[in-house]
Amino acid sequence: MRTRAALAKSDRGEGAVSYIAVIILIAGILAAIAVSGIGEKIQNGIEGAIDKVSETEPGSGASAS
């Protein structure tokens, strides 16, 4: 039977390994998005939505800046 100290010692460094794995996973997802071109589609959609929101009502005489 293993003691509590032996069990704690065997888990040392586990947190760092998990964080590194998550960082690598996120980097892989971002790389896939950059390569696939979907990022440009998302950017165009956001810009289009901003343009729609920033437009003034027709006939109001005010110009959008």
N, C-alpha and C. Protein backbone atom coordinates (compact mmCIF):
# COMPACT_ATOMS: atom_id res chain seq x y z
N MET A 1 0.83 -1.17 0.00
CA MET A 1 0.00 0.00 0.00
C MET A 1 0.89 1.25 0.00
N ARG A 2 0.57 2.21 -0.81
CA ARG A 2 1.39 3.42 -0.93
C ARG A 2 0.95 4.45 0.10
N THR A 3 1.90 5.16 0.60
CA THR A 3 1.60 6.20 1.58
C THR A 3 1.11 7.45 0.89
N ARG A 4 0.53 8.33 1.68
CA ARG A 4 0.02 9.59 1.14
C ARG A 4 1.15 10.42 0.53
N ALA A 5 2.32 10.43 1.15
CA ALA A 5 3.47 11.18 0.63
C ALA A 5 3.92 10.62 -0.72
N ALA A 6 3.90 9.29 -0.85
CA ALA A 6 4.31 8.67 -2.12
C ALA A 6 3.31 9.00 -3.22
N LEU A 7 2.02 9.02 -2.90
CA LEU A 7 1.01 9.37 -3.90
C LEU A 7 1.14 10.83 -4.33
N ALA A 8 1.38 11.73 -3.38
CA ALA A 8 1.53 13.15 -3.70
C ALA A 8 2.76 13.37 -4.56
N LYS A 9 3.83 12.67 -4.27
CA LYS A 9 5.07 12.82 -5.03
C LYS A 9 4.90 12.33 -6.47
N SER A 10 4.09 11.31 -6.70
CA SER A 10 3.92 10.77 -8.04
C SER A 10 3.11 11.71 -8.94
N ASP A 11 2.33 12.62 -8.36
CA ASP A 11 1.53 13.56 -9.14
C ASP A 11 2.23 14.90 -9.38
N ARG A 12 3.42 15.04 -8.88
CA ARG A 12 4.14 16.31 -9.02
C ARG A 12 4.37 16.61 -10.50
N GLY A 13 4.07 17.84 -10.92
CA GLY A 13 4.26 18.24 -12.31
C GLY A 13 3.05 18.00 -13.19
N GLU A 14 2.04 17.35 -12.67
CA GLU A 14 0.84 17.04 -13.46
C GLU A 14 0.16 18.31 -13.94
N GLY A 15 0.08 19.33 -13.10
CA GLY A 15 -0.60 20.58 -13.49
C GLY A 15 0.08 21.26 -14.65
N ALA A 16 1.40 21.29 -14.64
CA ALA A 16 2.15 21.94 -15.73
C ALA A 16 1.92 21.19 -17.04
N VAL A 17 1.92 19.88 -16.99
CA VAL A 17 1.71 19.07 -18.20
C VAL A 17 0.31 19.34 -18.76
N SER A 18 -0.67 19.44 -17.90
CA SER A 18 -2.04 19.71 -18.36
C SER A 18 -2.15 21.08 -19.02
N TYR A 19 -1.54 22.08 -18.41
CA TYR A 19 -1.57 23.43 -18.99
C TYR A 19 -0.89 23.47 -20.35
N ILE A 20 0.24 22.79 -20.47
CA ILE A 20 0.95 22.75 -21.75
C ILE A 20 0.10 22.06 -22.80
N ALA A 21 -0.58 20.98 -22.42
CA ALA A 21 -1.44 20.27 -23.37
C ALA A 21 -2.58 21.16 -23.85
N VAL A 22 -3.17 21.94 -22.97
CA VAL A 22 -4.26 22.84 -23.36
C VAL A 22 -3.73 23.93 -24.28
N ILE A 23 -2.57 24.48 -23.98
CA ILE A 23 -1.98 25.52 -24.83
C ILE A 23 -1.69 24.97 -26.23
N ILE A 24 -1.16 23.76 -26.30
CA ILE A 24 -0.89 23.15 -27.61
C ILE A 24 -2.19 22.91 -28.37
N LEU A 25 -3.23 22.47 -27.68
CA LEU A 25 -4.53 22.25 -28.31
C LEU A 25 -5.10 23.55 -28.87
N ILE A 26 -5.04 24.62 -28.10
CA ILE A 26 -5.55 25.91 -28.56
C ILE A 26 -4.73 26.41 -29.74
N ALA A 27 -3.41 26.25 -29.68
CA ALA A 27 -2.56 26.68 -30.80
C ALA A 27 -2.92 25.89 -32.07
N GLY A 28 -3.19 24.61 -31.92
CA GLY A 28 -3.58 23.81 -33.08
C GLY A 28 -4.90 24.25 -33.69
N ILE A 29 -5.86 24.58 -32.84
CA ILE A 29 -7.16 25.06 -33.33
C ILE A 29 -6.99 26.40 -34.06
N LEU A 30 -6.22 27.31 -33.47
CA LEU A 30 -5.98 28.60 -34.12
C LEU A 30 -5.24 28.45 -35.44
N ALA A 31 -4.29 27.53 -35.50
CA ALA A 31 -3.57 27.29 -36.75
C ALA A 31 -4.52 26.73 -37.82
N ALA A 32 -5.40 25.83 -37.43
CA ALA A 32 -6.36 25.27 -38.38
C ALA A 32 -7.30 26.35 -38.91
N ILE A 33 -7.73 27.26 -38.04
CA ILE A 33 -8.60 28.35 -38.46
C ILE A 33 -7.86 29.27 -39.43
N ALA A 34 -6.60 29.57 -39.13
CA ALA A 34 -5.81 30.46 -39.99
C ALA A 34 -5.59 29.85 -41.37
N VAL A 35 -5.34 28.56 -41.42
CA VAL A 35 -5.05 27.89 -42.69
C VAL A 35 -6.32 27.68 -43.52
N SER A 36 -7.45 27.44 -42.86
CA SER A 36 -8.67 27.09 -43.58
C SER A 36 -9.34 28.28 -44.26
N GLY A 37 -9.04 29.49 -43.82
CA GLY A 37 -9.67 30.66 -44.43
C GLY A 37 -10.99 31.04 -43.78
N ILE A 38 -11.42 30.29 -42.80
CA ILE A 38 -12.68 30.61 -42.14
C ILE A 38 -12.56 31.90 -41.34
N GLY A 39 -11.33 32.24 -40.94
CA GLY A 39 -11.11 33.48 -40.20
C GLY A 39 -11.53 34.70 -41.00
N GLU A 40 -11.26 34.68 -42.29
CA GLU A 40 -11.65 35.80 -43.17
C GLU A 40 -13.17 35.89 -43.28
N LYS A 41 -13.84 34.75 -43.34
CA LYS A 41 -15.30 34.76 -43.40
C LYS A 41 -15.89 35.34 -42.12
N ILE A 42 -15.30 34.97 -40.99
CA ILE A 42 -15.77 35.50 -39.71
C ILE A 42 -15.54 37.00 -39.66
N GLN A 43 -14.36 37.44 -40.10
CA GLN A 43 -14.05 38.87 -40.10
C GLN A 43 -15.02 39.64 -40.99
N ASN A 44 -15.30 39.12 -42.18
CA ASN A 44 -16.24 39.80 -43.08
C ASN A 44 -17.64 39.87 -42.49
N GLY A 45 -18.06 38.81 -41.80
CA GLY A 45 -19.37 38.81 -41.16
C GLY A 45 -19.47 39.84 -40.05
N ILE A 46 -18.42 39.94 -39.25
CA ILE A 46 -18.40 40.92 -38.16
C ILE A 46 -18.40 42.34 -38.72
N GLU A 47 -17.58 42.57 -39.75
CA GLU A 47 -17.53 43.91 -40.36
C GLU A 47 -18.89 44.27 -40.97
N GLY A 48 -19.55 43.30 -41.61
CA GLY A 48 -20.86 43.56 -42.18
C GLY A 48 -21.89 43.91 -41.12
N ALA A 49 -21.84 43.22 -40.00
CA ALA A 49 -22.77 43.50 -38.90
C ALA A 49 -22.51 44.89 -38.32
N ILE A 50 -21.25 45.26 -38.20
CA ILE A 50 -20.91 46.59 -37.68
C ILE A 50 -21.39 47.66 -38.65
N ASP A 51 -21.22 47.42 -39.94
CA ASP A 51 -21.69 48.38 -40.95
C ASP A 51 -23.20 48.57 -40.85
N LYS A 52 -23.94 47.49 -40.67
CA LYS A 52 -25.40 47.59 -40.56
C LYS A 52 -25.81 48.38 -39.33
N VAL A 53 -25.13 48.17 -38.22
CA VAL A 53 -25.47 48.86 -36.98
C VAL A 53 -25.12 50.34 -37.07
N SER A 54 -24.01 50.66 -37.75
CA SER A 54 -23.55 52.05 -37.79
C SER A 54 -24.27 52.90 -38.84
N GLU A 55 -25.08 52.29 -39.70
CA GLU A 55 -25.83 53.05 -40.70
C GLU A 55 -26.93 53.87 -40.03
N THR A 56 -27.21 55.05 -40.59
CA THR A 56 -28.29 55.86 -40.06
C THR A 56 -29.59 55.51 -40.79
N GLU A 57 -30.70 55.95 -40.24
CA GLU A 57 -31.98 55.69 -40.89
C GLU A 57 -32.09 56.48 -42.18
N PRO A 58 -32.72 55.90 -43.21
CA PRO A 58 -32.87 56.61 -44.48
C PRO A 58 -33.70 57.89 -44.29
N GLY A 59 -33.25 58.96 -44.91
CA GLY A 59 -33.98 60.21 -44.87
C GLY A 59 -33.77 61.04 -43.61
N SER A 60 -32.89 60.62 -42.74
CA SER A 60 -32.68 61.38 -41.51
C SER A 60 -31.76 62.56 -41.74
N GLY A 61 -31.01 62.57 -42.82
CA GLY A 61 -30.12 63.68 -43.12
C GLY A 61 -28.78 63.59 -42.42
N ALA A 62 -28.65 62.72 -41.47
CA ALA A 62 -27.36 62.57 -40.78
C ALA A 62 -26.50 61.60 -41.56
N SER A 63 -25.21 61.83 -41.51
CA SER A 63 -24.31 60.92 -42.21
C SER A 63 -23.56 60.09 -41.19
N ALA A 64 -23.28 58.86 -41.55
CA ALA A 64 -22.54 57.97 -40.64
C ALA A 64 -21.07 58.32 -40.70
N SER A 65 -20.41 58.28 -39.56
CA SER A 65 -18.98 58.59 -39.56
C SER A 65 -18.16 57.40 -39.22
